[in-house]
All heavy atoms as atom14 arrays in JSON, in Angstrom:
{
  "sequence": "DRFGPRRVEAALLLVAASGCTLFGLGTTIGVLALARALI",
  "atom14_mask": [
    [1, 1, 1, 1, 1, 1, 1, 1, 0, 0, 0, 0, 0, 0],
    [1, 1, 1, 1, 1, 1, 1, 1, 1, 1, 1, 0, 0, 0],
    [1, 1, 1, 1, 1, 1, 1, 1, 1, 1, 1, 0, 0, 0],
    [1, 1, 1, 1, 0, 0, 0, 0, 0, 0, 0, 0, 0, 0],
    [1, 1, 1, 1, 1, 1, 1, 0, 0, 0, 0, 0, 0, 0],
    [1, 1, 1, 1, 1, 1, 1, 1, 1, 1, 1, 0, 0, 0],
    [1, 1, 1, 1, 1, 1, 1, 1, 1, 1, 1, 0, 0, 0],
    [1, 1, 1, 1, 1, 1, 1, 0, 0, 0, 0, 0, 0, 0],
    [1, 1, 1, 1, 1, 1, 1, 1, 1, 0, 0, 0, 0, 0],
    [1, 1, 1, 1, 1, 0, 0, 0, 0, 0, 0, 0, 0, 0],
    [1, 1, 1, 1, 1, 0, 0, 0, 0, 0, 0, 0, 0, 0],
    [1, 1, 1, 1, 1, 1, 1, 1, 0, 0, 0, 0, 0, 0],
    [1, 1, 1, 1, 1, 1, 1, 1, 0, 0, 0, 0, 0, 0],
    [1, 1, 1, 1, 1, 1, 1, 1, 0, 0, 0, 0, 0, 0],
    [1, 1, 1, 1, 1, 1, 1, 0, 0, 0, 0, 0, 0, 0],
    [1, 1, 1, 1, 1, 0, 0, 0, 0, 0, 0, 0, 0, 0],
    [1, 1, 1, 1, 1, 0, 0, 0, 0, 0, 0, 0, 0, 0],
    [1, 1, 1, 1, 1, 1, 0, 0, 0, 0, 0, 0, 0, 0],
    [1, 1, 1, 1, 0, 0, 0, 0, 0, 0, 0, 0, 0, 0],
    [1, 1, 1, 1, 1, 1, 0, 0, 0, 0, 0, 0, 0, 0],
    [1, 1, 1, 1, 1, 1, 1, 0, 0, 0, 0, 0, 0, 0],
    [1, 1, 1, 1, 1, 1, 1, 1, 0, 0, 0, 0, 0, 0],
    [1, 1, 1, 1, 1, 1, 1, 1, 1, 1, 1, 0, 0, 0],
    [1, 1, 1, 1, 0, 0, 0, 0, 0, 0, 0, 0, 0, 0],
    [1, 1, 1, 1, 1, 1, 1, 1, 0, 0, 0, 0, 0, 0],
    [1, 1, 1, 1, 0, 0, 0, 0, 0, 0, 0, 0, 0, 0],
    [1, 1, 1, 1, 1, 1, 1, 0, 0, 0, 0, 0, 0, 0],
    [1, 1, 1, 1, 1, 1, 1, 0, 0, 0, 0, 0, 0, 0],
    [1, 1, 1, 1, 1, 1, 1, 1, 0, 0, 0, 0, 0, 0],
    [1, 1, 1, 1, 0, 0, 0, 0, 0, 0, 0, 0, 0, 0],
    [1, 1, 1, 1, 1, 1, 1, 0, 0, 0, 0, 0, 0, 0],
    [1, 1, 1, 1, 1, 1, 1, 1, 0, 0, 0, 0, 0, 0],
    [1, 1, 1, 1, 1, 0, 0, 0, 0, 0, 0, 0, 0, 0],
    [1, 1, 1, 1, 1, 1, 1, 1, 0, 0, 0, 0, 0, 0],
    [1, 1, 1, 1, 1, 0, 0, 0, 0, 0, 0, 0, 0, 0],
    [1, 1, 1, 1, 1, 1, 1, 1, 1, 1, 1, 0, 0, 0],
    [1, 1, 1, 1, 1, 0, 0, 0, 0, 0, 0, 0, 0, 0],
    [1, 1, 1, 1, 1, 1, 1, 1, 0, 0, 0, 0, 0, 0],
    [1, 1, 1, 1, 1, 1, 1, 1, 0, 0, 0, 0, 0, 0]
  ],
  "atom14_positions": [
    [[0.81, -1.24, -0.01], [0.05, 0.03, 0.02], [0.86, 1.24, 0.07], [0.39, 2.4, -0.5], [-0.9, 0.0, 1.24], [-2.17, -1.01, 1.12], [-2.41, -1.41, -0.08], [-2.65, -1.38, 2.04], [0.0, 0.0, 0.0], [0.0, 0.0, 0.0], [0.0, 0.0, 0.0], [0.0, 0.0, 0.0], [0.0, 0.0, 0.0], [0.0, 0.0, 0.0]],
    [[2.01, 1.08, 0.67], [2.81, 2.34, 0.78], [3.7, 2.64, -0.47], [3.92, 3.71, -0.85], [3.71, 2.22, 2.04], [4.62, 3.42, 2.29], [5.24, 3.37, 3.57], [4.43, 3.38, 4.78], [4.18, 4.54, 5.45], [4.88, 5.71, 5.24], [3.31, 4.57, 6.43], [0.0, 0.0, 0.0], [0.0, 0.0, 0.0], [0.0, 0.0, 0.0]],
    [[4.33, 1.45, -0.97], [5.47, 1.7, -2.06], [5.05, 1.21, -3.32], [5.69, 1.42, -4.4], [6.71, 1.08, -1.64], [7.4, 1.65, -0.28], [7.26, 0.95, 0.86], [7.97, 2.92, -0.29], [7.81, 1.38, 2.12], [8.41, 3.42, 0.88], [8.46, 2.72, 2.01], [0.0, 0.0, 0.0], [0.0, 0.0, 0.0], [0.0, 0.0, 0.0]],
    [[3.97, 0.4, -3.4], [3.49, -0.13, -4.72], [4.08, -1.51, -5.09], [5.22, -1.95, -4.54], [0.0, 0.0, 0.0], [0.0, 0.0, 0.0], [0.0, 0.0, 0.0], [0.0, 0.0, 0.0], [0.0, 0.0, 0.0], [0.0, 0.0, 0.0], [0.0, 0.0, 0.0], [0.0, 0.0, 0.0], [0.0, 0.0, 0.0], [0.0, 0.0, 0.0]],
    [[3.45, -2.24, -5.83], [3.78, -3.66, -6.0], [5.1, -3.9, -6.81], [5.91, -4.89, -6.59], [2.57, -4.28, -6.83], [2.02, -3.09, -7.44], [2.17, -1.91, -6.65], [0.0, 0.0, 0.0], [0.0, 0.0, 0.0], [0.0, 0.0, 0.0], [0.0, 0.0, 0.0], [0.0, 0.0, 0.0], [0.0, 0.0, 0.0], [0.0, 0.0, 0.0]],
    [[5.38, -2.89, -7.82], [6.52, -3.2, -8.77], [7.84, -3.25, -7.88], [8.71, -4.12, -7.96], [6.53, -2.14, -9.77], [7.65, -2.26, -10.73], [7.76, -1.1, -11.76], [8.19, 0.0, -10.96], [9.05, 0.97, -11.49], [9.5, 0.78, -12.75], [9.34, 1.96, -10.88], [0.0, 0.0, 0.0], [0.0, 0.0, 0.0], [0.0, 0.0, 0.0]],
    [[7.98, -2.12, -7.07], [9.33, -2.03, -6.44], [9.38, -3.07, -5.19], [10.45, -3.71, -5.0], [9.45, -0.59, -5.91], [9.77, 0.36, -6.92], [9.93, 1.69, -6.18], [8.69, 2.31, -5.8], [8.49, 3.44, -5.16], [9.63, 4.25, -4.9], [7.36, 3.81, -4.82], [0.0, 0.0, 0.0], [0.0, 0.0, 0.0], [0.0, 0.0, 0.0]],
    [[8.4, -3.34, -4.58], [8.31, -4.31, -3.49], [8.64, -5.8, -3.91], [9.58, -6.39, -3.44], [7.01, -4.33, -2.75], [6.9, -5.45, -1.68], [6.75, -2.84, -2.1], [0.0, 0.0, 0.0], [0.0, 0.0, 0.0], [0.0, 0.0, 0.0], [0.0, 0.0, 0.0], [0.0, 0.0, 0.0], [0.0, 0.0, 0.0], [0.0, 0.0, 0.0]],
    [[7.9, -6.22, -4.95], [8.2, -7.5, -5.36], [9.67, -7.55, -6.07], [10.36, -8.71, -5.78], [7.28, -8.05, -6.47], [7.35, -9.49, -6.91], [6.38, -10.01, -7.85], [5.25, -9.35, -7.92], [6.53, -11.09, -8.34], [0.0, 0.0, 0.0], [0.0, 0.0, 0.0], [0.0, 0.0, 0.0], [0.0, 0.0, 0.0], [0.0, 0.0, 0.0]],
    [[10.19, -6.74, -6.91], [11.46, -6.71, -7.46], [12.58, -6.89, -6.42], [13.43, -7.67, -6.53], [11.66, -5.47, -8.4], [0.0, 0.0, 0.0], [0.0, 0.0, 0.0], [0.0, 0.0, 0.0], [0.0, 0.0, 0.0], [0.0, 0.0, 0.0], [0.0, 0.0, 0.0], [0.0, 0.0, 0.0], [0.0, 0.0, 0.0], [0.0, 0.0, 0.0]],
    [[12.41, -6.07, -5.3], [13.39, -6.19, -4.26], [13.48, -7.5, -3.45], [14.46, -8.08, -3.31], [13.2, -5.03, -3.28], [0.0, 0.0, 0.0], [0.0, 0.0, 0.0], [0.0, 0.0, 0.0], [0.0, 0.0, 0.0], [0.0, 0.0, 0.0], [0.0, 0.0, 0.0], [0.0, 0.0, 0.0], [0.0, 0.0, 0.0], [0.0, 0.0, 0.0]],
    [[12.11, -7.91, -3.31], [12.14, -9.25, -2.53], [12.58, -10.45, -3.39], [13.08, -11.45, -2.9], [10.56, -9.51, -2.05], [10.14, -8.62, -1.0], [8.68, -8.82, -0.64], [10.81, -8.88, 0.23], [0.0, 0.0, 0.0], [0.0, 0.0, 0.0], [0.0, 0.0, 0.0], [0.0, 0.0, 0.0], [0.0, 0.0, 0.0], [0.0, 0.0, 0.0]],
    [[12.4, -10.41, -4.7], [12.91, -11.46, -5.59], [14.38, -11.55, -5.47], [14.95, -12.61, -5.65], [12.39, -11.32, -7.0], [10.92, -11.49, -7.31], [10.6, -11.37, -8.75], [10.6, -12.96, -6.92], [0.0, 0.0, 0.0], [0.0, 0.0, 0.0], [0.0, 0.0, 0.0], [0.0, 0.0, 0.0], [0.0, 0.0, 0.0], [0.0, 0.0, 0.0]],
    [[15.02, -10.51, -5.29], [16.57, -10.44, -5.06], [16.81, -11.17, -3.75], [17.89, -11.91, -3.64], [17.06, -9.12, -5.09], [16.99, -8.36, -6.49], [17.67, -6.99, -6.4], [17.71, -9.08, -7.6], [0.0, 0.0, 0.0], [0.0, 0.0, 0.0], [0.0, 0.0, 0.0], [0.0, 0.0, 0.0], [0.0, 0.0, 0.0], [0.0, 0.0, 0.0]],
    [[16.14, -11.09, -2.86], [16.2, -11.85, -1.52], [16.09, -13.31, -1.84], [16.76, -14.16, -1.25], [15.24, -11.33, -0.5], [15.33, -12.17, 0.82], [15.5, -9.89, -0.11], [0.0, 0.0, 0.0], [0.0, 0.0, 0.0], [0.0, 0.0, 0.0], [0.0, 0.0, 0.0], [0.0, 0.0, 0.0], [0.0, 0.0, 0.0], [0.0, 0.0, 0.0]],
    [[15.03, -13.68, -2.58], [14.85, -15.03, -2.87], [15.94, -15.63, -3.74], [16.3, -16.82, -3.58], [13.44, -15.17, -3.74], [0.0, 0.0, 0.0], [0.0, 0.0, 0.0], [0.0, 0.0, 0.0], [0.0, 0.0, 0.0], [0.0, 0.0, 0.0], [0.0, 0.0, 0.0], [0.0, 0.0, 0.0], [0.0, 0.0, 0.0], [0.0, 0.0, 0.0]],
    [[16.53, -14.79, -4.68], [17.69, -15.31, -5.38], [18.84, -15.6, -4.49], [19.57, -16.52, -4.63], [18.11, -14.23, -6.35], [0.0, 0.0, 0.0], [0.0, 0.0, 0.0], [0.0, 0.0, 0.0], [0.0, 0.0, 0.0], [0.0, 0.0, 0.0], [0.0, 0.0, 0.0], [0.0, 0.0, 0.0], [0.0, 0.0, 0.0], [0.0, 0.0, 0.0]],
    [[19.12, -14.83, -3.45], [20.25, -15.05, -2.55], [19.86, -16.22, -1.67], [20.88, -17.05, -1.46], [20.35, -13.9, -1.57], [19.28, -13.67, -0.65], [0.0, 0.0, 0.0], [0.0, 0.0, 0.0], [0.0, 0.0, 0.0], [0.0, 0.0, 0.0], [0.0, 0.0, 0.0], [0.0, 0.0, 0.0], [0.0, 0.0, 0.0], [0.0, 0.0, 0.0]],
    [[18.68, -16.48, -1.4], [18.33, -17.69, -0.67], [18.65, -19.06, -1.49], [19.1, -19.96, -1.03], [0.0, 0.0, 0.0], [0.0, 0.0, 0.0], [0.0, 0.0, 0.0], [0.0, 0.0, 0.0], [0.0, 0.0, 0.0], [0.0, 0.0, 0.0], [0.0, 0.0, 0.0], [0.0, 0.0, 0.0], [0.0, 0.0, 0.0], [0.0, 0.0, 0.0]],
    [[18.17, -18.89, -2.76], [18.52, -20.16, -3.8], [20.03, -20.31, -3.84], [20.39, -21.5, -3.9], [17.81, -19.9, -5.06], [16.11, -20.01, -5.08], [0.0, 0.0, 0.0], [0.0, 0.0, 0.0], [0.0, 0.0, 0.0], [0.0, 0.0, 0.0], [0.0, 0.0, 0.0], [0.0, 0.0, 0.0], [0.0, 0.0, 0.0], [0.0, 0.0, 0.0]],
    [[20.67, -19.32, -3.93], [22.26, -19.38, -4.07], [22.74, -20.08, -2.69], [23.62, -21.04, -2.73], [22.86, -18.08, -4.27], [22.48, -17.51, -5.39], [24.5, -18.24, -4.46], [0.0, 0.0, 0.0], [0.0, 0.0, 0.0], [0.0, 0.0, 0.0], [0.0, 0.0, 0.0], [0.0, 0.0, 0.0], [0.0, 0.0, 0.0], [0.0, 0.0, 0.0]],
    [[22.22, -19.64, -1.51], [22.82, -20.24, -0.39], [22.4, -21.59, -0.26], [23.13, -22.61, 0.33], [22.13, -19.35, 0.83], [22.57, -19.78, 2.22], [24.15, -19.66, 2.37], [21.92, -18.94, 3.23], [0.0, 0.0, 0.0], [0.0, 0.0, 0.0], [0.0, 0.0, 0.0], [0.0, 0.0, 0.0], [0.0, 0.0, 0.0], [0.0, 0.0, 0.0]],
    [[21.1, -21.98, -0.6], [20.65, -23.36, -0.61], [21.5, -24.32, -1.44], [21.85, -25.4, -0.97], [19.24, -23.47, -1.05], [18.55, -24.73, -0.6], [17.82, -24.68, 0.51], [18.55, -25.9, -1.42], [17.06, -25.8, 0.93], [17.98, -27.01, -0.98], [17.23, -27.03, 0.23], [0.0, 0.0, 0.0], [0.0, 0.0, 0.0], [0.0, 0.0, 0.0]],
    [[21.87, -23.76, -2.66], [22.76, -24.6, -3.41], [24.18, -24.86, -2.99], [24.82, -25.76, -3.29], [0.0, 0.0, 0.0], [0.0, 0.0, 0.0], [0.0, 0.0, 0.0], [0.0, 0.0, 0.0], [0.0, 0.0, 0.0], [0.0, 0.0, 0.0], [0.0, 0.0, 0.0], [0.0, 0.0, 0.0], [0.0, 0.0, 0.0], [0.0, 0.0, 0.0]],
    [[24.68, -23.87, -2.06], [25.96, -24.02, -1.46], [25.98, -24.62, -0.08], [26.95, -25.11, 0.46], [26.58, -22.61, -1.28], [26.78, -21.85, -2.54], [27.3, -20.37, -2.27], [27.87, -22.55, -3.32], [0.0, 0.0, 0.0], [0.0, 0.0, 0.0], [0.0, 0.0, 0.0], [0.0, 0.0, 0.0], [0.0, 0.0, 0.0], [0.0, 0.0, 0.0]],
    [[24.75, -24.79, 0.56], [24.67, -25.2, 1.94], [25.01, -26.68, 2.15], [24.77, -27.51, 1.22], [0.0, 0.0, 0.0], [0.0, 0.0, 0.0], [0.0, 0.0, 0.0], [0.0, 0.0, 0.0], [0.0, 0.0, 0.0], [0.0, 0.0, 0.0], [0.0, 0.0, 0.0], [0.0, 0.0, 0.0], [0.0, 0.0, 0.0], [0.0, 0.0, 0.0]],
    [[25.68, -26.99, 3.26], [26.12, -28.35, 3.62], [25.46, -28.84, 4.92], [25.76, -29.96, 5.29], [27.57, -28.47, 3.62], [28.12, -27.53, 4.57], [28.12, -28.24, 2.13], [0.0, 0.0, 0.0], [0.0, 0.0, 0.0], [0.0, 0.0, 0.0], [0.0, 0.0, 0.0], [0.0, 0.0, 0.0], [0.0, 0.0, 0.0], [0.0, 0.0, 0.0]],
    [[24.87, -27.91, 5.74], [24.25, -28.23, 6.93], [22.78, -27.89, 6.95], [22.3, -27.06, 6.24], [24.94, -27.52, 8.11], [24.62, -26.14, 8.02], [26.41, -27.8, 8.04], [0.0, 0.0, 0.0], [0.0, 0.0, 0.0], [0.0, 0.0, 0.0], [0.0, 0.0, 0.0], [0.0, 0.0, 0.0], [0.0, 0.0, 0.0], [0.0, 0.0, 0.0]],
    [[21.85, -28.64, 7.77], [20.56, -28.33, 7.83], [20.18, -26.87, 8.35], [19.37, -26.22, 7.8], [19.81, -29.34, 8.94], [20.09, -30.7, 8.45], [18.38, -28.99, 9.18], [19.44, -31.74, 9.35], [0.0, 0.0, 0.0], [0.0, 0.0, 0.0], [0.0, 0.0, 0.0], [0.0, 0.0, 0.0], [0.0, 0.0, 0.0], [0.0, 0.0, 0.0]],
    [[21.08, -26.45, 9.24], [20.94, -24.94, 9.66], [21.02, -23.99, 8.66], [20.14, -23.1, 8.36], [0.0, 0.0, 0.0], [0.0, 0.0, 0.0], [0.0, 0.0, 0.0], [0.0, 0.0, 0.0], [0.0, 0.0, 0.0], [0.0, 0.0, 0.0], [0.0, 0.0, 0.0], [0.0, 0.0, 0.0], [0.0, 0.0, 0.0], [0.0, 0.0, 0.0]],
    [[22.05, -24.06, 7.67], [22.32, -23.24, 6.56], [21.14, -23.48, 5.63], [20.63, -22.47, 5.04], [23.63, -23.48, 5.89], [23.74, -22.75, 4.61], [24.84, -23.07, 6.9], [0.0, 0.0, 0.0], [0.0, 0.0, 0.0], [0.0, 0.0, 0.0], [0.0, 0.0, 0.0], [0.0, 0.0, 0.0], [0.0, 0.0, 0.0], [0.0, 0.0, 0.0]],
    [[20.83, -24.65, 5.26], [19.75, -24.93, 4.3], [18.35, -24.38, 4.85], [17.63, -23.88, 4.01], [19.59, -26.36, 4.03], [20.8, -26.99, 3.28], [20.55, -28.54, 3.11], [20.99, -26.33, 1.95], [0.0, 0.0, 0.0], [0.0, 0.0, 0.0], [0.0, 0.0, 0.0], [0.0, 0.0, 0.0], [0.0, 0.0, 0.0], [0.0, 0.0, 0.0]],
    [[18.15, -24.41, 6.13], [16.83, -23.84, 6.54], [16.8, -22.46, 6.58], [15.83, -21.68, 6.3], [16.63, -24.35, 8.14], [0.0, 0.0, 0.0], [0.0, 0.0, 0.0], [0.0, 0.0, 0.0], [0.0, 0.0, 0.0], [0.0, 0.0, 0.0], [0.0, 0.0, 0.0], [0.0, 0.0, 0.0], [0.0, 0.0, 0.0], [0.0, 0.0, 0.0]],
    [[18.0, -21.8, 6.85], [18.11, -20.29, 6.68], [17.86, -19.88, 5.11], [17.25, -18.98, 4.9], [19.43, -19.73, 7.05], [19.81, -18.41, 6.85], [18.68, -17.42, 7.48], [21.15, -17.91, 7.29], [0.0, 0.0, 0.0], [0.0, 0.0, 0.0], [0.0, 0.0, 0.0], [0.0, 0.0, 0.0], [0.0, 0.0, 0.0], [0.0, 0.0, 0.0]],
    [[18.45, -20.67, 4.34], [18.22, -20.44, 2.9], [16.84, -20.59, 2.41], [16.27, -19.72, 1.64], [19.19, -21.32, 2.04], [0.0, 0.0, 0.0], [0.0, 0.0, 0.0], [0.0, 0.0, 0.0], [0.0, 0.0, 0.0], [0.0, 0.0, 0.0], [0.0, 0.0, 0.0], [0.0, 0.0, 0.0], [0.0, 0.0, 0.0], [0.0, 0.0, 0.0]],
    [[16.24, -21.59, 2.91], [14.87, -21.87, 2.62], [13.99, -20.64, 3.22], [12.9, -20.3, 2.55], [14.43, -23.29, 3.29], [13.02, -23.69, 2.81], [12.96, -24.21, 1.48], [11.67, -24.74, 1.15], [11.3, -24.96, -0.15], [11.91, -24.68, -1.07], [10.02, -25.46, -0.31], [0.0, 0.0, 0.0], [0.0, 0.0, 0.0], [0.0, 0.0, 0.0]],
    [[14.22, -20.12, 4.35], [13.42, -19.11, 4.81], [13.65, -17.8, 3.95], [12.69, -17.0, 3.83], [13.92, -18.78, 6.34], [0.0, 0.0, 0.0], [0.0, 0.0, 0.0], [0.0, 0.0, 0.0], [0.0, 0.0, 0.0], [0.0, 0.0, 0.0], [0.0, 0.0, 0.0], [0.0, 0.0, 0.0], [0.0, 0.0, 0.0], [0.0, 0.0, 0.0]],
    [[14.93, -17.54, 3.54], [15.16, -16.47, 2.63], [14.34, -16.51, 1.36], [13.76, -15.58, 0.76], [16.52, -16.32, 2.3], [17.48, -15.8, 3.53], [18.93, -15.84, 3.02], [17.16, -14.36, 3.91], [0.0, 0.0, 0.0], [0.0, 0.0, 0.0], [0.0, 0.0, 0.0], [0.0, 0.0, 0.0], [0.0, 0.0, 0.0], [0.0, 0.0, 0.0]],
    [[14.2, -17.68, 0.85], [13.5, -18.04, -0.46], [11.99, -17.65, -0.04], [11.29, -17.01, -0.87], [13.59, -19.49, -0.87], [15.03, -19.71, -1.35], [12.63, -19.68, -2.05], [15.34, -21.25, -1.66], [0.0, 0.0, 0.0], [0.0, 0.0, 0.0], [0.0, 0.0, 0.0], [0.0, 0.0, 0.0], [0.0, 0.0, 0.0], [0.0, 0.0, 0.0]]
  ]
}
């Protein structure tokens, strides 16, 4: 409602991309859970 859908979703998708990258690199359950939360 405050900033509009275009900017909010674009910014959040970059957070999801970082989560996917971390998931692909993760080797422990804790790291993978954090990555999954970021996604």
